[in-house]
Amino acid sequence: MRRTLRRLRIRLVRRVTRQIRLELKQLERQTDLTLD
């Protein structure tokens, strides 16, 4: 049980970090546009 829970948690964390990175990239693009 613990092993599976651990795996699920890792998967969740990876998904969340991926989303955050995508959002950060979009924010960077927006700031770049405003700077221009």
PDB file of N, CA and C in Angstrom:
ATOM      1  N   MET A   1       0.831  -1.220   0.000  1.00  0.00           N
ATOM      2  CA  MET A   1       0.000   0.000   0.000  1.00  0.00           C
ATOM      3  C   MET A   1       0.863   1.267   0.000  1.00  0.00           C
ATOM      4  N   ARG A   2       1.832   1.289   0.898  1.00  0.00           N
ATOM      5  CA  ARG A   2       2.658   2.507   1.001  1.00  0.00           C
ATOM      6  C   ARG A   2       3.384   2.780  -0.306  1.00  0.00           C
ATOM      7  N   ARG A   3       3.881   1.743  -0.932  1.00  0.00           N
ATOM      8  CA  ARG A   3       4.627   1.948  -2.188  1.00  0.00           C
ATOM      9  C   ARG A   3       3.732   2.593  -3.241  1.00  0.00           C
ATOM     10  N   THR A   4       2.538   2.069  -3.396  1.00  0.00           N
ATOM     11  CA  THR A   4       1.631   2.626  -4.415  1.00  0.00           C
ATOM     12  C   THR A   4       1.300   4.083  -4.081  1.00  0.00           C
ATOM     13  N   LEU A   5       1.053   4.354  -2.810  1.00  0.00           N
ATOM     14  CA  LEU A   5       0.736   5.733  -2.412  1.00  0.00           C
ATOM     15  C   LEU A   5       1.899   6.643  -2.773  1.00  0.00           C
ATOM     16  N   ARG A   6       3.095   6.166  -2.497  1.00  0.00           N
ATOM     17  CA  ARG A   6       4.289   6.960  -2.804  1.00  0.00           C
ATOM     18  C   ARG A   6       4.350   7.255  -4.299  1.00  0.00           C
ATOM     19  N   ARG A   7       4.116   6.231  -5.096  1.00  0.00           N
ATOM     20  CA  ARG A   7       4.153   6.414  -6.557  1.00  0.00           C
ATOM     21  C   ARG A   7       3.115   7.439  -6.991  1.00  0.00           C
ATOM     22  N   LEU A   8       1.915   7.307  -6.471  1.00  0.00           N
ATOM     23  CA  LEU A   8       0.845   8.239  -6.849  1.00  0.00           C
ATOM     24  C   LEU A   8       1.243   9.668  -6.484  1.00  0.00           C
ATOM     25  N   ARG A   9       1.800   9.821  -5.298  1.00  0.00           N
ATOM     26  CA  ARG A   9       2.192  11.169  -4.860  1.00  0.00           C
ATOM     27  C   ARG A   9       3.248  11.742  -5.802  1.00  0.00           C
ATOM     28  N   ILE A  10       4.228  10.929  -6.145  1.00  0.00           N
ATOM     29  CA  ILE A  10       5.285  11.385  -7.074  1.00  0.00           C
ATOM     30  C   ILE A  10       4.663  11.805  -8.395  1.00  0.00           C
ATOM     31  N   ARG A  11       3.743  10.979  -8.894  1.00  0.00           N
ATOM     32  CA  ARG A  11       3.098  11.299 -10.177  1.00  0.00           C
ATOM     33  C   ARG A  11       2.368  12.642 -10.067  1.00  0.00           C
ATOM     34  N   LEU A  12       1.665  12.822  -8.961  1.00  0.00           N
ATOM     35  CA  LEU A  12       0.918  14.067  -8.754  1.00  0.00           C
ATOM     36  C   LEU A  12       1.870  15.260  -8.743  1.00  0.00           C
ATOM     37  N   VAL A  13       2.932  15.134  -7.983  1.00  0.00           N
ATOM     38  CA  VAL A  13       3.898  16.240  -7.882  1.00  0.00           C
ATOM     39  C   VAL A  13       4.446  16.586  -9.255  1.00  0.00           C
ATOM     40  N   ARG A  14       4.798  15.562 -10.022  1.00  0.00           N
ATOM     41  CA  ARG A  14       5.344  15.817 -11.361  1.00  0.00           C
ATOM     42  C   ARG A  14       4.334  16.576 -12.207  1.00  0.00           C
ATOM     43  N   ARG A  15       3.071  16.142 -12.147  1.00  0.00           N
ATOM     44  CA  ARG A  15       2.033  16.804 -12.956  1.00  0.00           C
ATOM     45  C   ARG A  15       1.904  18.270 -12.538  1.00  0.00           C
ATOM     46  N   VAL A  16       1.870  18.502 -11.246  1.00  0.00           N
ATOM     47  CA  VAL A  16       1.718  19.877 -10.744  1.00  0.00           C
ATOM     48  C   VAL A  16       2.900  20.742 -11.175  1.00  0.00           C
ATOM     49  N   THR A  17       4.110  20.235 -10.990  1.00  0.00           N
ATOM     50  CA  THR A  17       5.293  21.024 -11.373  1.00  0.00           C
ATOM     51  C   THR A  17       5.248  21.336 -12.866  1.00  0.00           C
ATOM     52  N   ARG A  18       4.785  20.371 -13.637  1.00  0.00           N
ATOM     53  CA  ARG A  18       4.707  20.590 -15.089  1.00  0.00           C
ATOM     54  C   ARG A  18       3.742  21.746 -15.394  1.00  0.00           C
ATOM     55  N   GLN A  19       2.586  21.723 -14.751  1.00  0.00           N
ATOM     56  CA  GLN A  19       1.605  22.797 -14.979  1.00  0.00           C
ATOM     57  C   GLN A  19       2.184  24.144 -14.564  1.00  0.00           C
ATOM     58  N   ILE A  20       2.826  24.169 -13.408  1.00  0.00           N
ATOM     59  CA  ILE A  20       3.405  25.432 -12.912  1.00  0.00           C
ATOM     60  C   ILE A  20       4.425  25.956 -13.908  1.00  0.00           C
ATOM     61  N   ARG A  21       5.249  25.067 -14.432  1.00  0.00           N
ATOM     62  CA  ARG A  21       6.266  25.493 -15.407  1.00  0.00           C
ATOM     63  C   ARG A  21       5.595  26.092 -16.633  1.00  0.00           C
ATOM     64  N   LEU A  22       4.545  25.438 -17.101  1.00  0.00           N
ATOM     65  CA  LEU A  22       3.842  25.951 -18.285  1.00  0.00           C
ATOM     66  C   LEU A  22       3.298  27.352 -18.000  1.00  0.00           C
ATOM     67  N   GLU A  23       2.689  27.522 -16.838  1.00  0.00           N
ATOM     68  CA  GLU A  23       2.129  28.833 -16.488  1.00  0.00           C
ATOM     69  C   GLU A  23       3.242  29.875 -16.415  1.00  0.00           C
ATOM     70  N   LEU A  24       4.373  29.495 -15.840  1.00  0.00           N
ATOM     71  CA  LEU A  24       5.502  30.428 -15.734  1.00  0.00           C
ATOM     72  C   LEU A  24       5.961  30.846 -17.123  1.00  0.00           C
ATOM     73  N   LYS A  25       6.020  29.890 -18.027  1.00  0.00           N
ATOM     74  CA  LYS A  25       6.450  30.207 -19.397  1.00  0.00           C
ATOM     75  C   LYS A  25       5.492  31.223 -20.011  1.00  0.00           C
ATOM     76  N   GLN A  26       4.205  31.014 -19.835  1.00  0.00           N
ATOM     77  CA  GLN A  26       3.215  31.941 -20.393  1.00  0.00           C
ATOM     78  C   GLN A  26       3.412  33.327 -19.784  1.00  0.00           C
ATOM     79  N   LEU A  27       3.637  33.376 -18.473  1.00  0.00           N
ATOM     80  CA  LEU A  27       3.837  34.665 -17.803  1.00  0.00           C
ATOM     81  C   LEU A  27       5.069  35.354 -18.374  1.00  0.00           C
ATOM     82  N   GLU A  28       6.128  34.596 -18.574  1.00  0.00           N
ATOM     83  CA  GLU A  28       7.359  35.180 -19.129  1.00  0.00           C
ATOM     84  C   GLU A  28       7.078  35.769 -20.503  1.00  0.00           C
ATOM     85  N   ARG A  29       6.314  35.056 -21.308  1.00  0.00           N
ATOM     86  CA  ARG A  29       5.989  35.555 -22.649  1.00  0.00           C
ATOM     87  C   ARG A  29       5.238  36.880 -22.535  1.00  0.00           C
ATOM     88  N   GLN A  30       4.282  36.931 -21.638  1.00  0.00           N
ATOM     89  CA  GLN A  30       3.485  38.157 -21.474  1.00  0.00           C
ATOM     90  C   GLN A  30       4.381  39.322 -21.065  1.00  0.00           C
ATOM     91  N   THR A  31       5.266  39.091 -20.109  1.00  0.00           N
ATOM     92  CA  THR A  31       6.150  40.168 -19.652  1.00  0.00           C
ATOM     93  C   THR A  31       7.051  40.606 -20.798  1.00  0.00           C
ATOM     94  N   ASP A  32       7.525  39.672 -21.581  1.00  0.00           N
ATOM     95  CA  ASP A  32       8.382  40.013 -22.727  1.00  0.00           C
ATOM     96  C   ASP A  32       7.607  40.928 -23.678  1.00  0.00           C
ATOM     97  N   LEU A  33       6.360  40.582 -23.920  1.00  0.00           N
ATOM     98  CA  LEU A  33       5.548  41.391 -24.835  1.00  0.00           C
ATOM     99  C   LEU A  33       5.394  42.811 -24.291  1.00  0.00           C
ATOM    100  N   THR A  34       5.141  42.928 -23.013  1.00  0.00           N
ATOM    101  CA  THR A  34       4.946  44.251 -22.421  1.00  0.00           C
ATOM    102  C   THR A  34       6.256  45.032 -22.448  1.00  0.00           C
ATOM    103  N   LEU A  35       7.372  44.360 -22.256  1.00  0.00           N
ATOM    104  CA  LEU A  35       8.678  45.037 -22.268  1.00  0.00           C
ATOM    105  C   LEU A  35       8.966  45.596 -23.651  1.00  0.00           C
ATOM    106  N   ASP A  36       8.568  44.878 -24.677  1.00  0.00           N
ATOM    107  CA  ASP A  36       8.805  45.360 -26.049  1.00  0.00           C
ATOM    108  C   ASP A  36       7.934  46.590 -26.262  1.00  0.00           C
TER     109      ASP A  36
END
